[in-house]
Amino acid sequence: MDRWWVFRFSFGKFKEEFTMKTTDYLVKSMTKDGKFRAYAVNATQVVEKAHEIHDTWSASSAALGRTLIGTLLLATSSLQGEAGMTVKIQGNGPVGFIVADGTAQGTVKGYMGNPHVSLPANDKGKIDVAKAVGTKGTLSVTKMAPGDKTPYTGEVNLVSGELGDDFTYYLAQSEQIPSAVGLSVFVNPDESIDVAGGFMIQVMPGASDEEISKLEKTLKDLPLVSQMLRDGDTPEDILKKIFGDDLKILETMPVRYECDCSKERFAHALASISKDDMKKLIDEDHHAETVCQFCGKKYEFNEDELKKIYAEMTANDDKKSTDEK
């Protein structure tokens, strides 16, 4: 695979540090000539909430956090209305799979295979996200609009496991948008999240090679985003350091970790198991407990509720059988 391209558009060096008193938010902007779109987000509280829900250790926190941040950037830049997006990372590292759901409204949620991964620092003294995620595997993005029976899914191979490069490569290969994506999570010694955030820059039609090269140099010479945030820079400040005054802010929106699970949704999920399994739950267990993987909330179903679901399953099967005759 051509590593040059990934290098050319993946200068994302990001970290984290606002204060926990500051509400997470994302900034959408565009250069005044319309040749570059740029997004930056502070997602410290988003990633901290994910850490609290899933009890993630440092390497897992960084991997899940970067995925959540990348999903926020993709979802808020490409979705409209009530559409949703699911990002799945499946690498060969110890964290296993990672799943994140995002919306155009700036909400995100996620979970992972193994939240308890802590690794020695890499040769740069940072959390070894690439080793945690793995360098072999896939990144897939599925976009779903309400009522859409055929959602779109794009999938690419992982190129580094650092995830910023991988989101960059996805945008180039699947969306045909040359981009630079920077994702970062800084974890405190006590496993809490100090800061987390990221940025995404997209090259629009009309940008010349000279202008792209100038952007490359700017990104290459840019201080670590972690340092900028520690110095008190906001997402707007970071974007201004990249593009100067040649930038217009299009929108500032809050972002948050939010799960929309409900007992009704889990009842629908139970109705999708086999009738034999449902009968076994009723006759042997007399109840069922379901747990949301995204937020950890539990939903209890007593025997009467299970019998009601079973009756609806039977009625639906009878109707389907009648319709096929």
Protein backbone atom coordinates (compact mmCIF):
# COMPACT_ATOMS: atom_id res chain seq x y z
CA MET A 1 0.00 0.00 0.00
CA ASP A 2 1.18 3.51 -0.77
CA ARG A 3 2.34 4.92 2.56
CA TRP A 4 3.14 8.27 0.92
CA TRP A 5 -0.52 9.15 0.59
CA VAL A 6 -1.26 8.42 4.22
CA PHE A 7 1.71 10.53 5.24
CA ARG A 8 0.64 13.35 2.96
CA PHE A 9 -2.76 13.71 4.55
CA SER A 10 -2.38 12.52 8.13
CA PHE A 11 -0.53 15.05 10.19
CA GLY A 12 -3.03 14.77 13.05
CA LYS A 13 -1.19 15.30 16.30
CA PHE A 14 -3.81 15.86 18.91
CA LYS A 15 -4.22 15.67 22.64
CA GLU A 16 -6.38 17.01 25.22
CA GLU A 17 -6.84 19.54 27.82
CA PHE A 18 -9.62 21.92 28.35
CA THR A 19 -11.08 21.85 31.78
CA MET A 20 -13.84 19.57 32.92
CA LYS A 21 -15.81 22.76 33.60
CA THR A 22 -15.98 23.45 29.86
CA THR A 23 -18.74 21.87 27.83
CA ASP A 24 -17.54 19.72 24.94
CA TYR A 25 -18.15 21.27 21.55
CA LEU A 26 -17.30 20.99 17.87
CA VAL A 27 -16.54 23.76 15.40
CA LYS A 28 -17.29 23.58 11.68
CA SER A 29 -15.47 26.01 9.41
CA MET A 30 -14.35 26.64 5.86
CA THR A 31 -11.65 28.78 4.31
CA LYS A 32 -12.98 31.95 2.75
CA ASP A 33 -12.04 30.72 -0.72
CA GLY A 34 -13.97 27.47 -0.17
CA LYS A 35 -10.98 25.23 -0.85
CA PHE A 36 -10.71 23.58 2.59
CA ARG A 37 -13.24 22.49 5.18
CA ALA A 38 -11.99 22.22 8.74
CA TYR A 39 -13.47 20.79 11.92
CA ALA A 40 -12.11 20.72 15.47
CA VAL A 41 -13.63 19.23 18.59
CA ASN A 42 -13.02 19.12 22.30
CA ALA A 43 -14.47 15.77 23.45
CA THR A 44 -12.95 15.44 26.90
CA GLN A 45 -16.21 14.79 28.72
CA VAL A 46 -17.39 12.42 25.98
CA VAL A 47 -14.37 10.18 26.43
CA GLU A 48 -14.42 10.50 30.22
CA LYS A 49 -18.02 9.30 30.27
CA ALA A 50 -17.10 6.34 28.07
CA HIS A 51 -14.25 5.57 30.49
CA GLU A 52 -16.61 5.69 33.47
CA ILE A 53 -19.23 3.48 31.82
CA HIS A 54 -16.83 0.82 30.54
CA ASP A 55 -14.08 1.07 33.19
CA THR A 56 -11.46 1.41 30.46
CA TRP A 57 -7.75 1.22 31.17
CA SER A 58 -5.27 3.56 29.50
CA ALA A 59 -4.69 1.85 26.13
CA SER A 60 -8.36 0.91 25.82
CA SER A 61 -9.39 4.46 26.75
CA ALA A 62 -7.16 5.88 24.04
CA ALA A 63 -8.40 3.44 21.40
CA LEU A 64 -12.09 3.83 22.23
CA GLY A 65 -11.72 7.58 22.71
CA ARG A 66 -10.07 8.11 19.34
CA THR A 67 -12.79 6.06 17.69
CA LEU A 68 -15.51 8.14 19.37
CA ILE A 69 -13.81 11.38 18.31
CA GLY A 70 -13.35 10.19 14.74
CA THR A 71 -16.99 9.13 14.63
CA LEU A 72 -18.10 12.56 15.86
CA LEU A 73 -16.07 14.25 13.13
CA LEU A 74 -17.38 11.96 10.38
CA ALA A 75 -20.99 12.03 11.52
CA THR A 76 -21.29 15.79 11.96
CA SER A 77 -19.57 16.43 8.62
CA SER A 78 -21.44 13.95 6.42
CA LEU A 79 -24.86 13.21 7.95
CA GLN A 80 -28.06 15.22 7.88
CA GLY A 81 -31.32 15.10 9.80
CA GLU A 82 -31.99 11.90 11.69
CA ALA A 83 -29.41 9.81 9.84
CA GLY A 84 -26.99 7.74 11.89
CA MET A 85 -23.56 6.22 11.48
CA THR A 86 -21.83 3.15 12.88
CA VAL A 87 -18.05 2.88 12.85
CA LYS A 88 -16.49 -0.53 13.48
CA ILE A 89 -12.81 -1.18 14.08
CA GLN A 90 -11.68 -4.80 13.97
CA GLY A 91 -7.96 -5.10 14.55
CA ASN A 92 -5.67 -7.88 15.66
CA GLY A 93 -4.63 -6.10 18.85
CA PRO A 94 -5.65 -6.92 22.43
CA VAL A 95 -8.54 -4.42 22.61
CA GLY A 96 -10.43 -6.50 20.02
CA PHE A 97 -13.32 -4.85 18.21
CA ILE A 98 -14.51 -1.27 18.74
CA VAL A 99 -17.99 -0.01 17.83
CA ALA A 100 -19.18 3.61 17.84
CA ASP A 101 -22.49 5.14 16.79
CA GLY A 102 -22.73 8.82 15.86
CA THR A 103 -25.39 11.28 14.71
CA ALA A 104 -25.53 14.57 12.85
CA GLN A 105 -26.61 16.19 16.11
CA GLY A 106 -23.24 15.56 17.74
CA THR A 107 -24.11 12.57 19.89
CA VAL A 108 -21.94 9.48 20.06
CA LYS A 109 -21.75 6.22 22.01
CA GLY A 110 -19.48 3.21 21.87
CA TYR A 111 -18.13 0.00 23.37
CA MET A 112 -15.27 -2.41 22.78
CA GLY A 113 -14.22 -6.03 23.13
CA ASN A 114 -11.66 -5.61 25.91
CA PRO A 115 -11.74 -2.42 28.00
CA HIS A 116 -8.94 -3.61 30.30
CA VAL A 117 -5.80 -3.11 28.22
CA SER A 118 -2.80 -1.18 29.51
CA LEU A 119 0.50 -1.28 27.59
CA PRO A 120 4.02 0.15 27.94
CA ALA A 121 4.53 3.49 26.20
CA ASN A 122 5.69 3.46 22.59
CA ASP A 123 9.05 4.82 21.43
CA LYS A 124 7.64 8.35 21.53
CA GLY A 125 6.60 7.99 25.15
CA LYS A 126 2.90 7.92 24.26
CA ILE A 127 0.14 5.37 24.73
CA ASP A 128 0.74 2.62 22.18
CA VAL A 129 -2.61 2.79 20.41
CA ALA A 130 -1.32 0.97 17.33
CA LYS A 131 -0.28 -2.02 19.42
CA ALA A 132 -3.57 -1.95 21.33
CA VAL A 133 -5.69 -1.84 18.16
CA GLY A 134 -3.39 -3.85 15.92
CA THR A 135 -2.02 -3.04 12.49
CA LYS A 136 -4.02 -5.68 10.63
CA GLY A 137 -7.77 -5.53 10.34
CA THR A 138 -10.51 -3.28 9.00
CA LEU A 139 -12.33 -0.01 9.58
CA SER A 140 -15.90 0.11 8.31
CA VAL A 141 -18.46 2.91 8.27
CA THR A 142 -22.18 2.30 7.83
CA LYS A 143 -24.55 5.20 7.22
CA MET A 144 -28.25 4.76 7.90
CA ALA A 145 -31.13 7.08 7.12
CA PRO A 146 -34.57 6.60 8.71
CA GLY A 147 -36.56 4.10 6.65
CA ASP A 148 -33.55 3.18 4.53
CA LYS A 149 -33.56 -0.58 4.00
CA THR A 150 -30.19 -0.60 2.23
CA PRO A 151 -27.67 1.36 4.31
CA TYR A 152 -24.36 2.27 2.73
CA THR A 153 -21.21 0.62 4.12
CA GLY A 154 -17.64 1.46 3.20
CA GLU A 155 -14.70 -0.59 4.45
CA VAL A 156 -10.93 -0.23 4.28
CA ASN A 157 -7.98 -2.09 5.73
CA LEU A 158 -6.23 -0.58 8.72
CA VAL A 159 -3.07 1.24 7.67
CA SER A 160 -1.47 1.96 11.04
CA GLY A 161 -3.79 1.18 13.95
CA GLU A 162 -3.22 4.71 15.26
CA LEU A 163 -6.74 5.45 13.97
CA GLY A 164 -6.09 9.01 12.78
CA ASP A 165 -4.31 7.59 9.73
CA ASP A 166 -7.03 4.97 9.38
CA PHE A 167 -9.89 7.49 9.32
CA THR A 168 -7.83 9.55 6.86
CA TYR A 169 -7.39 6.54 4.60
CA TYR A 170 -11.10 5.69 4.83
CA LEU A 171 -12.06 9.19 3.68
CA ALA A 172 -9.66 8.99 0.74
CA GLN A 173 -10.58 5.50 -0.41
CA SER A 174 -14.28 5.20 0.40
CA GLU A 175 -15.49 8.81 0.34
CA GLN A 176 -12.95 10.05 -2.22
CA ILE A 177 -12.12 13.03 -0.01
CA PRO A 178 -8.43 13.77 0.62
CA SER A 179 -8.25 14.68 4.30
CA ALA A 180 -6.11 15.01 7.39
CA VAL A 181 -7.52 13.57 10.62
CA GLY A 182 -5.95 14.04 14.03
CA LEU A 183 -7.26 12.15 17.08
CA SER A 184 -5.89 12.08 20.62
CA VAL A 185 -6.71 11.08 24.17
CA PHE A 186 -4.55 11.83 27.20
CA VAL A 187 -5.06 9.53 30.16
CA ASN A 188 -4.14 10.50 33.72
CA PRO A 189 -2.22 8.14 36.03
CA ASP A 190 -5.48 7.37 37.85
CA GLU A 191 -7.02 6.25 34.50
CA SER A 192 -9.33 9.28 34.25
CA ILE A 193 -9.33 11.30 31.03
CA ASP A 194 -7.34 14.51 31.19
CA VAL A 195 -8.35 15.77 27.75
CA ALA A 196 -9.50 14.37 24.43
CA GLY A 197 -10.20 15.84 21.03
CA GLY A 198 -9.41 15.92 17.35
CA PHE A 199 -9.57 17.75 14.07
CA MET A 200 -10.37 16.97 10.46
CA ILE A 201 -9.39 18.95 7.38
CA GLN A 202 -10.88 18.13 4.00
CA VAL A 203 -9.52 19.25 0.65
CA MET A 204 -12.26 20.61 -1.58
CA PRO A 205 -12.33 20.73 -5.40
CA GLY A 206 -10.29 23.64 -6.70
CA ALA A 207 -7.44 23.43 -4.21
CA SER A 208 -4.14 23.55 -6.06
CA ASP A 209 -1.10 21.37 -5.40
CA GLU A 210 0.69 24.47 -4.15
CA GLU A 211 -2.08 25.22 -1.65
CA ILE A 212 -2.13 21.61 -0.47
CA SER A 213 1.64 21.64 -0.04
CA LYS A 214 1.38 24.84 2.01
CA LEU A 215 -1.20 23.16 4.24
CA GLU A 216 1.07 20.13 4.63
CA LYS A 217 3.92 22.34 5.82
CA THR A 218 1.65 24.17 8.24
CA LEU A 219 0.43 20.91 9.74
CA LYS A 220 3.94 19.50 9.89
CA ASP A 221 5.23 22.55 11.76
CA LEU A 222 2.17 22.84 13.99
CA PRO A 223 2.80 22.24 17.69
CA LEU A 224 1.21 19.15 19.15
CA VAL A 225 -2.47 19.79 19.65
CA SER A 226 -2.00 18.50 23.18
CA GLN A 227 0.38 21.37 23.83
CA MET A 228 -1.96 23.91 22.25
CA LEU A 229 -4.87 22.75 24.38
CA ARG A 230 -2.70 22.77 27.51
CA ASP A 231 -1.79 26.32 26.63
CA GLY A 232 -5.49 27.16 26.69
CA ASP A 233 -6.24 27.09 22.98
CA THR A 234 -9.84 26.38 21.98
CA PRO A 235 -10.95 24.45 18.89
CA GLU A 236 -11.32 27.82 17.15
CA ASP A 237 -7.76 28.77 18.13
CA ILE A 238 -6.39 25.53 16.72
CA LEU A 239 -8.14 26.06 13.40
CA LYS A 240 -6.92 29.65 13.28
CA LYS A 241 -3.33 28.48 13.79
CA ILE A 242 -3.74 26.30 10.71
CA PHE A 243 -5.50 28.77 8.42
CA GLY A 244 -4.96 32.16 10.05
CA ASP A 245 -7.66 34.72 9.35
CA ASP A 246 -8.60 33.01 6.09
CA LEU A 247 -11.35 31.12 7.88
CA LYS A 248 -15.05 31.54 8.48
CA ILE A 249 -16.81 29.71 11.30
CA LEU A 250 -19.94 28.00 9.98
CA GLU A 251 -21.29 26.43 13.15
CA THR A 252 -20.44 25.67 16.75
CA MET A 253 -22.32 22.74 18.26
CA PRO A 254 -22.25 20.82 21.54
CA VAL A 255 -21.20 17.17 21.50
CA ARG A 256 -22.01 14.54 24.09
CA TYR A 257 -21.97 10.86 24.90
CA GLU A 258 -25.60 9.81 24.70
CA CYS A 259 -27.27 6.41 24.57
CA ASP A 260 -30.82 6.14 23.24
CA CYS A 261 -31.51 2.62 24.48
CA SER A 262 -34.94 1.76 25.88
CA LYS A 263 -36.91 -1.21 27.17
CA GLU A 264 -38.99 -1.10 24.00
CA ARG A 265 -35.88 -1.56 21.86
CA PHE A 266 -34.74 -4.51 23.93
CA ALA A 267 -38.21 -6.04 23.69
CA HIS A 268 -37.87 -5.80 19.92
CA ALA A 269 -34.44 -7.47 20.16
CA LEU A 270 -35.85 -10.31 22.26
CA ALA A 271 -38.54 -10.81 19.65
CA SER A 272 -35.80 -11.55 17.12
CA ILE A 273 -34.53 -14.69 18.92
CA SER A 274 -35.97 -18.07 18.08
CA LYS A 275 -39.33 -19.10 19.50
CA ASP A 276 -37.67 -22.12 21.11
CA ASP A 277 -35.20 -19.91 22.96
CA MET A 278 -37.99 -17.60 24.07
CA LYS A 279 -40.04 -20.56 25.32
CA LYS A 280 -37.02 -21.73 27.29
CA LEU A 281 -36.66 -18.32 28.91
CA ILE A 282 -40.29 -18.44 29.96
CA ASP A 283 -40.42 -22.04 31.17
CA GLU A 284 -36.99 -22.30 32.82
CA ASP A 285 -35.80 -18.82 33.76
CA HIS A 286 -39.20 -17.10 34.13
CA HIS A 287 -37.53 -13.77 33.41
CA ALA A 288 -34.81 -12.13 31.33
CA GLU A 289 -32.26 -9.42 32.04
CA THR A 290 -30.78 -7.45 29.16
CA VAL A 291 -27.82 -5.07 29.38
CA CYS A 292 -27.06 -2.23 26.97
CA GLN A 293 -23.50 -2.58 25.66
CA PHE A 294 -23.25 1.16 25.07
CA CYS A 295 -24.27 2.48 28.50
CA GLY A 296 -24.54 -0.51 30.81
CA LYS A 297 -28.18 0.10 31.68
CA LYS A 298 -30.13 -3.04 32.58
CA TYR A 299 -33.71 -3.87 31.58
CA GLU A 300 -35.67 -6.60 33.35
CA PHE A 301 -38.48 -8.58 31.69
CA ASN A 302 -40.75 -10.63 33.94
CA GLU A 303 -42.53 -13.81 32.89
CA ASP A 304 -45.73 -12.03 31.85
CA GLU A 305 -43.78 -9.62 29.65
CA LEU A 306 -41.93 -12.52 28.02
CA LYS A 307 -45.21 -14.33 27.39
CA LYS A 308 -46.55 -11.21 25.69
CA ILE A 309 -43.50 -11.03 23.41
CA TYR A 310 -43.86 -14.77 22.65
CA ALA A 311 -47.53 -14.33 21.76
CA GLU A 312 -46.63 -11.50 19.35
CA MET A 313 -43.91 -13.68 17.79
CA THR A 314 -46.41 -16.49 17.26
CA ALA A 315 -49.01 -14.13 15.79
CA ASN A 316 -46.44 -12.67 13.39
CA ASP A 317 -45.39 -16.15 12.27
CA ASP A 318 -49.02 -17.10 11.69
CA LYS A 319 -49.58 -13.94 9.66
CA LYS A 320 -46.46 -14.54 7.60
CA SER A 321 -47.55 -18.11 6.92
CA THR A 322 -50.98 -16.91 5.80
CA ASP A 323 -49.52 -14.27 3.52
CA GLU A 324 -47.30 -16.82 1.80
CA LYS A 325 -50.22 -19.08 0.91
